[in-house]
């Protein structure tokens, strides 16, 4: 949010006043950015990011069709892909055993232990 410094003052005032509105705005912004990164990373590099379940819930709350709208209108392909990525995320178990298997398989990318290659 560095591009909008006035938002910081607005959010700070509301946060100090105990209002919940800035948290709802931040949560929606984080979810939107996470959805765009999830979709673009898969599109451009065929990499699927394992995102925390709570953030996935926030992305679903925004509705993929609302996220995948460009200047020409709704993008059905992007909506379908984002929906498929969210479904895939539901199928990946977030357990220590799963993370250990990921680390064991990606010997050349240990810094990226949360990445999973996926085909849709």
PDB file of N, CA and C in Angstrom:
ATOM      1  N   UNK A   1       0.814  -1.186   0.000  1.00  0.00           N
ATOM      2  CA  UNK A   1       0.000   0.000   0.000  1.00  0.00           C
ATOM      3  C   UNK A   1       0.856   1.248   0.000  1.00  0.00           C
ATOM      4  N   UNK A   2       2.106   1.125  -0.298  1.00  0.00           N
ATOM      5  CA  UNK A   2       2.991   2.287  -0.316  1.00  0.00           C
ATOM      6  C   UNK A   2       2.567   3.301  -1.359  1.00  0.00           C
ATOM      7  N   UNK A   3       1.844   2.842  -2.398  1.00  0.00           N
ATOM      8  CA  UNK A   3       1.414   3.758  -3.439  1.00  0.00           C
ATOM      9  C   UNK A   3       0.284   4.679  -2.979  1.00  0.00           C
ATOM     10  N   UNK A   4      -0.331   4.377  -1.861  1.00  0.00           N
ATOM     11  CA  UNK A   4      -1.421   5.201  -1.343  1.00  0.00           C
ATOM     12  C   UNK A   4      -1.145   5.578   0.110  1.00  0.00           C
ATOM     13  N   UNK A   5      -0.225   6.522   0.355  1.00  0.00           N
ATOM     14  CA  UNK A   5       0.138   6.856   1.735  1.00  0.00           C
ATOM     15  C   UNK A   5      -1.026   7.424   2.539  1.00  0.00           C
ATOM     16  N   UNK A   6      -2.015   8.043   1.904  1.00  0.00           N
ATOM     17  CA  UNK A   6      -3.145   8.602   2.634  1.00  0.00           C
ATOM     18  C   UNK A   6      -3.996   7.509   3.269  1.00  0.00           C
ATOM     19  N   UNK A   7      -3.950   6.300   2.703  1.00  0.00           N
ATOM     20  CA  UNK A   7      -4.713   5.189   3.275  1.00  0.00           C
ATOM     21  C   UNK A   7      -4.158   4.825   4.649  1.00  0.00           C
ATOM     22  N   UNK A   8      -2.845   4.947   4.806  1.00  0.00           N
ATOM     23  CA  UNK A   8      -2.246   4.624   6.092  1.00  0.00           C
ATOM     24  C   UNK A   8      -2.827   5.494   7.195  1.00  0.00           C
ATOM     25  N   UNK A   9      -2.939   6.794   6.950  1.00  0.00           N
ATOM     26  CA  UNK A   9      -3.494   7.699   7.952  1.00  0.00           C
ATOM     27  C   UNK A   9      -4.949   7.353   8.226  1.00  0.00           C
ATOM     28  N   UNK A  10      -5.687   7.074   7.191  1.00  0.00           N
ATOM     29  CA  UNK A  10      -7.097   6.704   7.346  1.00  0.00           C
ATOM     30  C   UNK A  10      -7.225   5.430   8.168  1.00  0.00           C
ATOM     31  N   UNK A  11      -6.410   4.431   7.810  1.00  0.00           N
ATOM     32  CA  UNK A  11      -6.472   3.156   8.520  1.00  0.00           C
ATOM     33  C   UNK A  11      -6.001   3.315   9.957  1.00  0.00           C
ATOM     34  N   UNK A  12      -4.965   4.097  10.169  1.00  0.00           N
ATOM     35  CA  UNK A  12      -4.452   4.287  11.528  1.00  0.00           C
ATOM     36  C   UNK A  12      -5.512   4.918  12.420  1.00  0.00           C
ATOM     37  N   UNK A  13      -6.181   5.924  11.911  1.00  0.00           N
ATOM     38  CA  UNK A  13      -7.229   6.579  12.705  1.00  0.00           C
ATOM     39  C   UNK A  13      -8.340   5.603  13.052  1.00  0.00           C
ATOM     40  N   UNK A  14      -8.783   4.823  12.063  1.00  0.00           N
ATOM     41  CA  UNK A  14      -9.860   3.854  12.306  1.00  0.00           C
ATOM     42  C   UNK A  14      -9.409   2.739  13.239  1.00  0.00           C
ATOM     43  N   UNK A  15      -8.172   2.298  13.090  1.00  0.00           N
ATOM     44  CA  UNK A  15      -7.667   1.244  13.969  1.00  0.00           C
ATOM     45  C   UNK A  15      -7.579   1.738  15.415  1.00  0.00           C
ATOM     46  N   UNK A  16      -7.078   2.953  15.592  1.00  0.00           N
ATOM     47  CA  UNK A  16      -6.999   3.523  16.944  1.00  0.00           C
ATOM     48  C   UNK A  16      -8.384   3.731  17.534  1.00  0.00           C
ATOM     49  N   UNK A  17      -9.364   3.991  16.682  1.00  0.00           N
ATOM     50  CA  UNK A  17     -10.736   4.191  17.150  1.00  0.00           C
ATOM     51  C   UNK A  17     -11.445   2.865  17.418  1.00  0.00           C
ATOM     52  N   UNK A  18     -10.788   1.751  17.096  1.00  0.00           N
ATOM     53  CA  UNK A  18     -11.381   0.437  17.347  1.00  0.00           C
ATOM     54  C   UNK A  18     -12.380  -0.012  16.303  1.00  0.00           C
ATOM     55  N   UNK A  19     -12.362   0.606  15.148  1.00  0.00           N
ATOM     56  CA  UNK A  19     -13.291   0.213  14.085  1.00  0.00           C
ATOM     57  C   UNK A  19     -12.793  -1.038  13.364  1.00  0.00           C
ATOM     58  N   UNK A  20     -13.716  -1.854  12.898  1.00  0.00           N
ATOM     59  CA  UNK A  20     -13.360  -3.098  12.216  1.00  0.00           C
ATOM     60  C   UNK A  20     -13.231  -2.925  10.703  1.00  0.00           C
ATOM     61  N   UNK A  21     -13.694  -1.814  10.182  1.00  0.00           N
ATOM     62  CA  UNK A  21     -13.692  -1.585   8.738  1.00  0.00           C
ATOM     63  C   UNK A  21     -12.317  -1.742   8.094  1.00  0.00           C
ATOM     64  N   UNK A  22     -11.243  -1.168   8.669  1.00  0.00           N
ATOM     65  CA  UNK A  22      -9.951  -1.310   7.993  1.00  0.00           C
ATOM     66  C   UNK A  22      -9.503  -2.762   7.881  1.00  0.00           C
ATOM     67  N   UNK A  23      -9.833  -3.582   8.876  1.00  0.00           N
ATOM     68  CA  UNK A  23      -9.444  -4.995   8.791  1.00  0.00           C
ATOM     69  C   UNK A  23     -10.192  -5.686   7.667  1.00  0.00           C
ATOM     70  N   UNK A  24     -11.446  -5.352   7.466  1.00  0.00           N
ATOM     71  CA  UNK A  24     -12.206  -5.937   6.363  1.00  0.00           C
ATOM     72  C   UNK A  24     -11.614  -5.510   5.025  1.00  0.00           C
ATOM     73  N   UNK A  25     -11.206  -4.256   4.932  1.00  0.00           N
ATOM     74  CA  UNK A  25     -10.589  -3.757   3.696  1.00  0.00           C
ATOM     75  C   UNK A  25      -9.254  -4.454   3.459  1.00  0.00           C
ATOM     76  N   UNK A  26      -8.414  -4.529   4.502  1.00  0.00           N
ATOM     77  CA  UNK A  26      -7.111  -5.183   4.350  1.00  0.00           C
ATOM     78  C   UNK A  26      -7.276  -6.654   3.978  1.00  0.00           C
ATOM     79  N   UNK A  27      -8.211  -7.339   4.633  1.00  0.00           N
ATOM     80  CA  UNK A  27      -8.443  -8.756   4.350  1.00  0.00           C
ATOM     81  C   UNK A  27      -8.860  -8.955   2.900  1.00  0.00           C
ATOM     82  N   UNK A  28      -9.750  -8.117   2.409  1.00  0.00           N
ATOM     83  CA  UNK A  28     -10.188  -8.220   1.021  1.00  0.00           C
ATOM     84  C   UNK A  28      -9.043  -7.931   0.060  1.00  0.00           C
ATOM     85  N   UNK A  29      -8.228  -6.934   0.387  1.00  0.00           N
ATOM     86  CA  UNK A  29      -7.092  -6.601  -0.471  1.00  0.00           C
ATOM     87  C   UNK A  29      -6.074  -7.739  -0.498  1.00  0.00           C
ATOM     88  N   UNK A  30      -5.779  -8.315   0.671  1.00  0.00           N
ATOM     89  CA  UNK A  30      -4.836  -9.435   0.728  1.00  0.00           C
ATOM     90  C   UNK A  30      -5.366 -10.619  -0.065  1.00  0.00           C
ATOM     91  N   UNK A  31      -6.666 -10.899   0.078  1.00  0.00           N
ATOM     92  CA  UNK A  31      -7.259 -12.020  -0.642  1.00  0.00           C
ATOM     93  C   UNK A  31      -7.214 -11.788  -2.146  1.00  0.00           C
ATOM     94  N   UNK A  32      -7.517 -10.577  -2.582  1.00  0.00           N
ATOM     95  CA  UNK A  32      -7.484 -10.263  -4.007  1.00  0.00           C
ATOM     96  C   UNK A  32      -6.065 -10.411  -4.562  1.00  0.00           C
ATOM     97  N   UNK A  33      -5.081  -9.852  -3.849  1.00  0.00           N
ATOM     98  CA  UNK A  33      -3.693  -9.963  -4.309  1.00  0.00           C
ATOM     99  C   UNK A  33      -3.239 -11.408  -4.315  1.00  0.00           C
ATOM    100  N   UNK A  34      -3.615 -12.182  -3.304  1.00  0.00           N
ATOM    101  CA  UNK A  34      -3.230 -13.595  -3.249  1.00  0.00           C
ATOM    102  C   UNK A  34      -3.859 -14.372  -4.400  1.00  0.00           C
ATOM    103  N   UNK A  35      -5.117 -14.081  -4.714  1.00  0.00           N
ATOM    104  CA  UNK A  35      -5.782 -14.764  -5.823  1.00  0.00           C
ATOM    105  C   UNK A  35      -5.104 -14.450  -7.148  1.00  0.00           C
ATOM    106  N   UNK A  36      -4.746 -13.190  -7.351  1.00  0.00           N
ATOM    107  CA  UNK A  36      -4.077 -12.788  -8.597  1.00  0.00           C
ATOM    108  C   UNK A  36      -2.709 -13.458  -8.698  1.00  0.00           C
ATOM    109  N   UNK A  37      -1.959 -13.483  -7.610  1.00  0.00           N
ATOM    110  CA  UNK A  37      -0.646 -14.135  -7.618  1.00  0.00           C
ATOM    111  C   UNK A  37      -0.799 -15.625  -7.867  1.00  0.00           C
ATOM    112  N   UNK A  38      -1.764 -16.254  -7.217  1.00  0.00           N
ATOM    113  CA  UNK A  38      -2.012 -17.684  -7.408  1.00  0.00           C
ATOM    114  C   UNK A  38      -2.300 -17.990  -8.873  1.00  0.00           C
ATOM    115  N   UNK A  39      -3.178 -17.215  -9.471  1.00  0.00           N
ATOM    116  CA  UNK A  39      -3.566 -17.421 -10.867  1.00  0.00           C
ATOM    117  C   UNK A  39      -2.427 -17.098 -11.822  1.00  0.00           C
ATOM    118  N   UNK A  40      -1.788 -15.958 -11.663  1.00  0.00           N
ATOM    119  CA  UNK A  40      -0.720 -15.557 -12.587  1.00  0.00           C
ATOM    120  C   UNK A  40       0.496 -16.474 -12.490  1.00  0.00           C
ATOM    121  N   UNK A  41       0.837 -16.918 -11.288  1.00  0.00           N
ATOM    122  CA  UNK A  41       1.973 -17.818 -11.130  1.00  0.00           C
ATOM    123  C   UNK A  41       1.705 -19.138 -11.834  1.00  0.00           C
ATOM    124  N   UNK A  42       0.487 -19.628 -11.716  1.00  0.00           N
ATOM    125  CA  UNK A  42       0.154 -20.874 -12.411  1.00  0.00           C
ATOM    126  C   UNK A  42       0.156 -20.666 -13.920  1.00  0.00           C
ATOM    127  N   UNK A  43      -0.438 -19.559 -14.366  1.00  0.00           N
ATOM    128  CA  UNK A  43      -0.509 -19.272 -15.803  1.00  0.00           C
ATOM    129  C   UNK A  43       0.885 -19.108 -16.418  1.00  0.00           C
ATOM    130  N   UNK A  44       1.725 -18.317 -15.775  1.00  0.00           N
ATOM    131  CA  UNK A  44       3.026 -17.969 -16.349  1.00  0.00           C
ATOM    132  C   UNK A  44       4.094 -19.032 -16.155  1.00  0.00           C
ATOM    133  N   UNK A  45       4.088 -19.703 -15.006  1.00  0.00           N
ATOM    134  CA  UNK A  45       5.184 -20.619 -14.698  1.00  0.00           C
ATOM    135  C   UNK A  45       4.725 -22.030 -14.391  1.00  0.00           C
ATOM    136  N   UNK A  46       3.411 -22.264 -14.392  1.00  0.00           N
ATOM    137  CA  UNK A  46       2.842 -23.563 -14.055  1.00  0.00           C
ATOM    138  C   UNK A  46       3.244 -24.010 -12.655  1.00  0.00           C
ATOM    139  N   UNK A  47       3.315 -23.041 -11.747  1.00  0.00           N
ATOM    140  CA  UNK A  47       3.619 -23.297 -10.345  1.00  0.00           C
ATOM    141  C   UNK A  47       2.356 -23.019  -9.549  1.00  0.00           C
ATOM    142  N   UNK A  48       2.036 -23.929  -8.657  1.00  0.00           N
ATOM    143  CA  UNK A  48       0.864 -23.765  -7.793  1.00  0.00           C
ATOM    144  C   UNK A  48       1.358 -23.470  -6.386  1.00  0.00           C
ATOM    145  N   UNK A  49       0.948 -22.366  -5.827  1.00  0.00           N
ATOM    146  CA  UNK A  49       1.371 -21.996  -4.485  1.00  0.00           C
ATOM    147  C   UNK A  49       0.425 -22.596  -3.458  1.00  0.00           C
ATOM    148  N   UNK A  50       0.969 -23.165  -2.420  1.00  0.00           N
ATOM    149  CA  UNK A  50       0.172 -23.667  -1.303  1.00  0.00           C
ATOM    150  C   UNK A  50      -0.080 -22.475  -0.381  1.00  0.00           C
ATOM    151  N   UNK A  51      -1.311 -22.056  -0.328  1.00  0.00           N
ATOM    152  CA  UNK A  51      -1.699 -20.862   0.422  1.00  0.00           C
ATOM    153  C   UNK A  51      -2.410 -21.303   1.703  1.00  0.00           C
ATOM    154  N   UNK A  52      -2.208 -20.600   2.809  1.00  0.00           N
ATOM    155  CA  UNK A  52      -2.880 -20.977   4.063  1.00  0.00           C
ATOM    156  C   UNK A  52      -4.398 -21.065   3.883  1.00  0.00           C
ATOM    157  N   UNK A  53      -5.028 -22.033   4.547  1.00  0.00           N
ATOM    158  CA  UNK A  53      -6.477 -22.239   4.409  1.00  0.00           C
ATOM    159  C   UNK A  53      -7.307 -20.987   4.669  1.00  0.00           C
ATOM    160  N   UNK A  54      -6.920 -20.171   5.637  1.00  0.00           N
ATOM    161  CA  UNK A  54      -7.705 -18.970   5.948  1.00  0.00           C
ATOM    162  C   UNK A  54      -7.701 -17.994   4.773  1.00  0.00           C
ATOM    163  N   UNK A  55      -6.551 -17.857   4.124  1.00  0.00           N
ATOM    164  CA  UNK A  55      -6.463 -16.966   2.969  1.00  0.00           C
ATOM    165  C   UNK A  55      -7.267 -17.539   1.797  1.00  0.00           C
ATOM    166  N   UNK A  56      -7.260 -18.860   1.629  1.00  0.00           N
ATOM    167  CA  UNK A  56      -8.092 -19.486   0.596  1.00  0.00           C
ATOM    168  C   UNK A  56      -9.571 -19.199   0.860  1.00  0.00           C
ATOM    169  N   UNK A  57      -9.953 -19.237   2.126  1.00  0.00           N
ATOM    170  CA  UNK A  57     -11.340 -18.916   2.489  1.00  0.00           C
ATOM    171  C   UNK A  57     -11.680 -17.483   2.098  1.00  0.00           C
ATOM    172  N   UNK A  58     -10.766 -16.558   2.338  1.00  0.00           N
ATOM    173  CA  UNK A  58     -11.004 -15.157   1.970  1.00  0.00           C
ATOM    174  C   UNK A  58     -11.106 -14.999   0.456  1.00  0.00           C
ATOM    175  N   UNK A  59     -10.288 -15.748  -0.297  1.00  0.00           N
ATOM    176  CA  UNK A  59     -10.372 -15.696  -1.767  1.00  0.00           C
ATOM    177  C   UNK A  59     -11.742 -16.182  -2.219  1.00  0.00           C
ATOM    178  N   UNK A  60     -12.204 -17.280  -1.633  1.00  0.00           N
ATOM    179  CA  UNK A  60     -13.534 -17.798  -1.987  1.00  0.00           C
ATOM    180  C   UNK A  60     -14.628 -16.789  -1.639  1.00  0.00           C
ATOM    181  N   UNK A  61     -14.450 -16.073  -0.548  1.00  0.00           N
ATOM    182  CA  UNK A  61     -15.424 -15.067  -0.131  1.00  0.00           C
ATOM    183  C   UNK A  61     -15.543 -13.965  -1.179  1.00  0.00           C
ATOM    184  N   UNK A  62     -14.419 -13.629  -1.834  1.00  0.00           N
ATOM    185  CA  UNK A  62     -14.454 -12.627  -2.898  1.00  0.00           C
ATOM    186  C   UNK A  62     -15.134 -13.141  -4.160  1.00  0.00           C
ATOM    187  N   UNK A  63     -15.192 -14.445  -4.334  1.00  0.00           N
ATOM    188  CA  UNK A  63     -15.776 -15.157  -5.474  1.00  0.00           C
ATOM    189  C   UNK A  63     -14.846 -15.030  -6.697  1.00  0.00           C
ATOM    190  N   UNK A  64     -14.321 -16.167  -7.192  1.00  0.00           N
ATOM    191  CA  UNK A  64     -13.394 -16.133  -8.332  1.00  0.00           C
ATOM    192  C   UNK A  64     -13.893 -15.324  -9.528  1.00  0.00           C
ATOM    193  N   UNK A  65     -15.186 -15.360  -9.810  1.00  0.00           N
ATOM    194  CA  UNK A  65     -15.716 -14.598 -10.949  1.00  0.00           C
ATOM    195  C   UNK A  65     -15.523 -13.092 -10.747  1.00  0.00           C
ATOM    196  N   UNK A  66     -15.531 -12.634  -9.501  1.00  0.00           N
ATOM    197  CA  UNK A  66     -15.301 -11.213  -9.223  1.00  0.00           C
ATOM    198  C   UNK A  66     -13.825 -10.855  -9.328  1.00  0.00           C
ATOM    199  N   UNK A  67     -12.956 -11.809  -9.045  1.00  0.00           N
ATOM    200  CA  UNK A  67     -11.518 -11.579  -9.130  1.00  0.00           C
ATOM    201  C   UNK A  67     -11.073 -11.527 -10.589  1.00  0.00           C
ATOM    202  N   UNK A  68     -11.680 -12.355 -11.424  1.00  0.00           N
ATOM    203  CA  UNK A  68     -11.245 -12.543 -12.819  1.00  0.00           C
ATOM    204  C   UNK A  68     -12.033 -11.681 -13.790  1.00  0.00           C
ATOM    205  N   UNK A  69     -11.997 -10.400 -13.570  1.00  0.00           N
ATOM    206  CA  UNK A  69     -12.669  -9.446 -14.446  1.00  0.00           C
ATOM    207  C   UNK A  69     -11.612  -8.466 -14.942  1.00  0.00           C
ATOM    208  N   UNK A  70     -11.525  -8.342 -16.267  1.00  0.00           N
ATOM    209  CA  UNK A  70     -10.566  -7.418 -16.859  1.00  0.00           C
ATOM    210  C   UNK A  70     -11.264  -6.234 -17.488  1.00  0.00           C
ATOM    211  N   UNK A  71     -10.533  -5.478 -18.267  1.00  0.00           N
ATOM    212  CA  UNK A  71     -11.113  -4.295 -18.908  1.00  0.00           C
ATOM    213  C   UNK A  71     -12.178  -4.667 -19.930  1.00  0.00           C
ATOM    214  N   UNK A  72     -12.082  -5.887 -20.490  1.00  0.00           N
ATOM    215  CA  UNK A  72     -13.095  -6.345 -21.459  1.00  0.00           C
ATOM    216  C   UNK A  72     -14.257  -7.055 -20.789  1.00  0.00           C
ATOM    217  N   UNK A  73     -14.224  -7.178 -19.477  1.00  0.00           N
ATOM    218  CA  UNK A  73     -15.298  -7.856 -18.764  1.00  0.00           C
ATOM    219  C   UNK A  73     -14.815  -9.153 -18.130  1.00  0.00           C
ATOM    220  N   UNK A  74     -15.755 -10.026 -17.766  1.00  0.00           N
ATOM    221  CA  UNK A  74     -15.405 -11.286 -17.101  1.00  0.00           C
ATOM    222  C   UNK A  74     -14.541 -12.183 -17.992  1.00  0.00           C
ATOM    223  N   UNK A  75     -13.590 -12.868 -17.382  1.00  0.00           N
ATOM    224  CA  UNK A  75     -12.713 -13.807 -18.081  1.00  0.00           C
ATOM    225  C   UNK A  75     -13.070 -15.210 -17.620  1.00  0.00           C
ATOM    226  N   UNK A  76     -13.832 -15.919 -18.433  1.00  0.00           N
ATOM    227  CA  UNK A  76     -14.326 -17.249 -18.067  1.00  0.00           C
ATOM    228  C   UNK A  76     -13.186 -18.245 -17.885  1.00  0.00           C
ATOM    229  N   UNK A  77     -12.155 -18.170 -18.734  1.00  0.00           N
ATOM    230  CA  UNK A  77     -11.021 -19.097 -18.606  1.00  0.00           C
ATOM    231  C   UNK A  77     -10.302 -18.890 -17.275  1.00  0.00           C
ATOM    232  N   UNK A  78     -10.018 -17.649 -16.936  1.00  0.00           N
ATOM    233  CA  UNK A  78      -9.331 -17.351 -15.676  1.00  0.00           C
ATOM    234  C   UNK A  78     -10.184 -17.780 -14.484  1.00  0.00           C
ATOM    235  N   UNK A  79     -11.487 -17.555 -14.575  1.00  0.00           N
ATOM    236  CA  UNK A  79     -12.390 -17.956 -13.495  1.00  0.00           C
ATOM    237  C   UNK A  79     -12.362 -19.465 -13.313  1.00  0.00           C
ATOM    238  N   UNK A  80     -12.387 -20.202 -14.425  1.00  0.00           N
ATOM    239  CA  UNK A  80     -12.358 -21.673 -14.347  1.00  0.00           C
ATOM    240  C   UNK A  80     -11.035 -22.166 -13.757  1.00  0.00           C
ATOM    241  N   UNK A  81      -9.937 -21.560 -14.175  1.00  0.00           N
ATOM    242  CA  UNK A  81      -8.621 -21.979 -13.661  1.00  0.00           C
ATOM    243  C   UNK A  81      -8.502 -21.659 -12.174  1.00  0.00           C
ATOM    244  N   UNK A  82      -8.900 -20.468 -11.772  1.00  0.00           N
ATOM    245  CA  UNK A  82      -8.821 -20.117 -10.352  1.00  0.00           C
ATOM    246  C   UNK A  82      -9.711 -21.044  -9.531  1.00  0.00           C
ATOM    247  N   UNK A  83     -10.886 -21.347 -10.036  1.00  0.00           N
ATOM    248  CA  UNK A  83     -11.765 -22.293  -9.337  1.00  0.00           C
ATOM    249  C   UNK A  83     -11.125 -23.667  -9.205  1.00  0.00           C
ATOM    250  N   UNK A  84     -10.471 -24.131 -10.284  1.00  0.00           N
ATOM    251  CA  UNK A  84      -9.790 -25.425 -10.237  1.00  0.00           C
ATOM    252  C   UNK A  84      -8.620 -25.406  -9.256  1.00  0.00           C
ATOM    253  N   UNK A  85      -7.885 -24.292  -9.202  1.00  0.00           N
ATOM    254  CA  UNK A  85      -6.781 -24.179  -8.253  1.00  0.00           C
ATOM    255  C   UNK A  85      -7.289 -24.200  -6.812  1.00  0.00           C
ATOM    256  N   UNK A  86      -8.412 -23.564  -6.567  1.00  0.00           N
ATOM    257  CA  UNK A  86      -8.988 -23.582  -5.223  1.00  0.00           C
ATOM    258  C   UNK A  86      -9.448 -24.986  -4.850  1.00  0.00           C
ATOM    259  N   UNK A  87     -10.018 -25.706  -5.812  1.00  0.00           N
ATOM    260  CA  UNK A  87     -10.425 -27.092  -5.561  1.00  0.00           C
ATOM    261  C   UNK A  87      -9.208 -27.971  -5.292  1.00  0.00           C
ATOM    262  N   UNK A  88      -8.146 -27.761  -6.056  1.00  0.00           N
ATOM    263  CA  UNK A  88      -6.915 -28.517  -5.840  1.00  0.00           C
ATOM    264  C   UNK A  88      -6.352 -28.228  -4.448  1.00  0.00           C
ATOM    265  N   UNK A  89      -6.398 -26.979  -4.040  1.00  0.00           N
ATOM    266  CA  UNK A  89      -5.900 -26.613  -2.713  1.00  0.00           C
ATOM    267  C   UNK A  89      -6.663 -27.346  -1.617  1.00  0.00           C
ATOM    268  N   UNK A  90      -7.963 -27.558  -1.831  1.00  0.00           N
ATOM    269  CA  UNK A  90      -8.765 -28.292  -0.852  1.00  0.00           C
ATOM    270  C   UNK A  90      -8.329 -29.747  -0.731  1.00  0.00           C
ATOM    271  N   UNK A  91      -7.780 -30.286  -1.814  1.00  0.00           N
ATOM    272  CA  UNK A  91      -7.399 -31.697  -1.828  1.00  0.00           C
ATOM    273  C   UNK A  91      -6.010 -31.953  -1.267  1.00  0.00           C
ATOM    274  N   UNK A  92      -5.194 -30.900  -1.148  1.00  0.00           N
ATOM    275  CA  UNK A  92      -3.846 -31.063  -0.602  1.00  0.00           C
ATOM    276  C   UNK A  92      -3.916 -31.014   0.917  1.00  0.00           C
ATOM    277  N   UNK A  93      -3.427 -32.059   1.543  1.00  0.00           N
ATOM    278  CA  UNK A  93      -3.435 -32.105   2.997  1.00  0.00           C
ATOM    279  C   UNK A  93      -2.316 -31.226   3.540  1.00  0.00           C
ATOM    280  N   UNK A  94      -2.654 -30.390   4.463  1.00  0.00           N
ATOM    281  CA  UNK A  94      -1.647 -29.523   5.078  1.00  0.00           C
ATOM    282  C   UNK A  94      -1.159 -30.190   6.361  1.00  0.00           C
ATOM    283  N   UNK A  95      -0.390 -31.262   6.186  1.00  0.00           N
ATOM    284  CA  UNK A  95       0.144 -32.004   7.322  1.00  0.00           C
ATOM    285  C   UNK A  95       1.660 -31.996   7.258  1.00  0.00           C
ATOM    286  N   UNK A  96       2.278 -32.308   8.366  1.00  0.00           N
ATOM    287  CA  UNK A  96       3.743 -32.373   8.398  1.00  0.00           C
ATOM    288  C   UNK A  96       4.246 -33.461   7.457  1.00  0.00           C
ATOM    289  N   UNK A  97       3.531 -34.574   7.362  1.00  0.00           N
ATOM    290  CA  UNK A  97       3.947 -35.656   6.462  1.00  0.00           C
ATOM    291  C   UNK A  97       3.945 -35.178   5.005  1.00  0.00           C
ATOM    292  N   UNK A  98       2.931 -34.403   4.633  1.00  0.00           N
ATOM    293  CA  UNK A  98       2.862 -33.878   3.267  1.00  0.00           C
ATOM    294  C   UNK A  98       4.019 -32.922   3.005  1.00  0.00           C
ATOM    295  N   UNK A  99       4.294 -32.039   3.955  1.00  0.00           N
ATOM    296  CA  UNK A  99       5.402 -31.092   3.788  1.00  0.00           C
ATOM    297  C   UNK A  99       6.747 -31.810   3.705  1.00  0.00           C
ATOM    298  N   UNK A 100       6.915 -32.883   4.480  1.00  0.00           N
ATOM    299  CA  UNK A 100       8.157 -33.663   4.402  1.00  0.00           C
ATOM    300  C   UNK A 100       8.308 -34.308   3.033  1.00  0.00           C
ATOM    301  N   UNK A 101       7.218 -34.798   2.473  1.00  0.00           N
ATOM    302  CA  UNK A 101       7.274 -35.397   1.131  1.00  0.00           C
ATOM    303  C   UNK A 101       7.633 -34.354   0.088  1.00  0.00           C
ATOM    304  N   UNK A 102       7.119 -33.136   0.248  1.00  0.00           N
ATOM    305  CA  UNK A 102       7.478 -32.064  -0.679  1.00  0.00           C
ATOM    306  C   UNK A 102       8.967 -31.749  -0.591  1.00  0.00           C
ATOM    307  N   UNK A 103       9.468 -31.639   0.619  1.00  0.00           N
ATOM    308  CA  UNK A 103      10.895 -31.334   0.793  1.00  0.00           C
ATOM    309  C   UNK A 103      11.757 -32.440   0.205  1.00  0.00           C
ATOM    310  N   UNK A 104      11.338 -33.673   0.372  1.00  0.00           N
ATOM    311  CA  UNK A 104      12.117 -34.801  -0.134  1.00  0.00           C
ATOM    312  C   UNK A 104      12.146 -34.829  -1.660  1.00  0.00           C
ATOM    313  N   UNK A 105      11.074 -34.381  -2.297  1.00  0.00           N
ATOM    314  CA  UNK A 105      10.990 -34.425  -3.759  1.00  0.00           C
ATOM    315  C   UNK A 105      11.689 -33.253  -4.433  1.00  0.00           C
ATOM    316  N   UNK A 106      11.745 -32.121  -3.794  1.00  0.00           N
ATOM    317  CA  UNK A 106      12.292 -30.933  -4.445  1.00  0.00           C
ATOM    318  C   UNK A 106      13.696 -30.637  -3.920  1.00  0.00           C
ATOM    319  N   UNK A 107      14.624 -31.519  -4.197  1.00  0.00           N
ATOM    320  CA  UNK A 107      15.974 -31.356  -3.664  1.00  0.00           C
ATOM    321  C   UNK A 107      16.670 -30.126  -4.223  1.00  0.00           C
ATOM    322  N   UNK A 108      16.329 -29.717  -5.435  1.00  0.00           N
ATOM    323  CA  UNK A 108      16.973 -28.543  -6.021  1.00  0.00           C
ATOM    324  C   UNK A 108      16.307 -27.240  -5.602  1.00  0.00           C
ATOM    325  N   UNK A 109      15.153 -27.300  -4.940  1.00  0.00           N
ATOM    326  CA  UNK A 109      14.414 -26.086  -4.573  1.00  0.00           C
ATOM    327  C   UNK A 109      13.985 -26.116  -3.109  1.00  0.00           C
ATOM    328  N   UNK A 110      14.866 -26.449  -2.216  1.00  0.00           N
ATOM    329  CA  UNK A 110      14.490 -26.536  -0.799  1.00  0.00           C
ATOM    330  C   UNK A 110      13.966 -25.207  -0.254  1.00  0.00           C
ATOM    331  N   UNK A 111      14.369 -24.102  -0.869  1.00  0.00           N
ATOM    332  CA  UNK A 111      13.855 -22.813  -0.425  1.00  0.00           C
ATOM    333  C   UNK A 111      12.401 -22.617  -0.815  1.00  0.00           C
ATOM    334  N   UNK A 112      11.891 -23.481  -1.632  1.00  0.00           N
ATOM    335  CA  UNK A 112      10.504 -23.371  -2.111  1.00  0.00           C
ATOM    336  C   UNK A 112       9.677 -24.566  -1.654  1.00  0.00           C
ATOM    337  N   UNK A 113       9.813 -24.956  -0.404  1.00  0.00           N
ATOM    338  CA  UNK A 113       9.157 -26.169   0.063  1.00  0.00           C
ATOM    339  C   UNK A 113       7.639 -26.113  -0.034  1.00  0.00           C
ATOM    340  N   UNK A 114       7.065 -24.928  -0.127  1.00  0.00           N
ATOM    341  CA  UNK A 114       5.626 -24.811  -0.221  1.00  0.00           C
ATOM    342  C   UNK A 114       5.091 -24.864  -1.638  1.00  0.00           C
ATOM    343  N   UNK A 115       5.975 -25.056  -2.631  1.00  0.00           N
ATOM    344  CA  UNK A 115       5.510 -25.086  -4.013  1.00  0.00           C
ATOM    345  C   UNK A 115       5.124 -26.507  -4.402  1.00  0.00           C
ATOM    346  N   UNK A 116       4.097 -26.615  -5.210  1.00  0.00           N
ATOM    347  CA  UNK A 116       3.648 -27.900  -5.731  1.00  0.00           C
ATOM    348  C   UNK A 116       3.421 -27.752  -7.216  1.00  0.00           C
ATOM    349  N   UNK A 117       3.945 -28.663  -8.006  1.00  0.00           N
ATOM    350  CA  UNK A 117       3.670 -28.650  -9.440  1.00  0.00           C
ATOM    351  C   UNK A 117       2.328 -29.317  -9.667  1.00  0.00           C
ATOM    352  N   UNK A 118       1.496 -28.734 -10.488  1.00  0.00           N
ATOM    353  CA  UNK A 118       0.152 -29.282 -10.697  1.00  0.00           C
ATOM    354  C   UNK A 118      -0.212 -29.194 -12.171  1.00  0.00           C
ATOM    355  N   UNK A 119      -1.000 -30.144 -12.600  1.00  0.00           N
ATOM    356  CA  UNK A 119      -1.550 -30.111 -13.949  1.00  0.00           C
ATOM    357  C   UNK A 119      -3.070 -30.150 -13.820  1.00  0.00           C
ATOM    358  N   UNK A 120      -3.735 -29.277 -14.524  1.00  0.00           N
ATOM    359  CA  UNK A 120      -5.203 -29.229 -14.481  1.00  0.00           C
ATOM    360  C   UNK A 120      -5.756 -29.675 -15.810  1.00  0.00           C
TER     361      UNK A 120
END
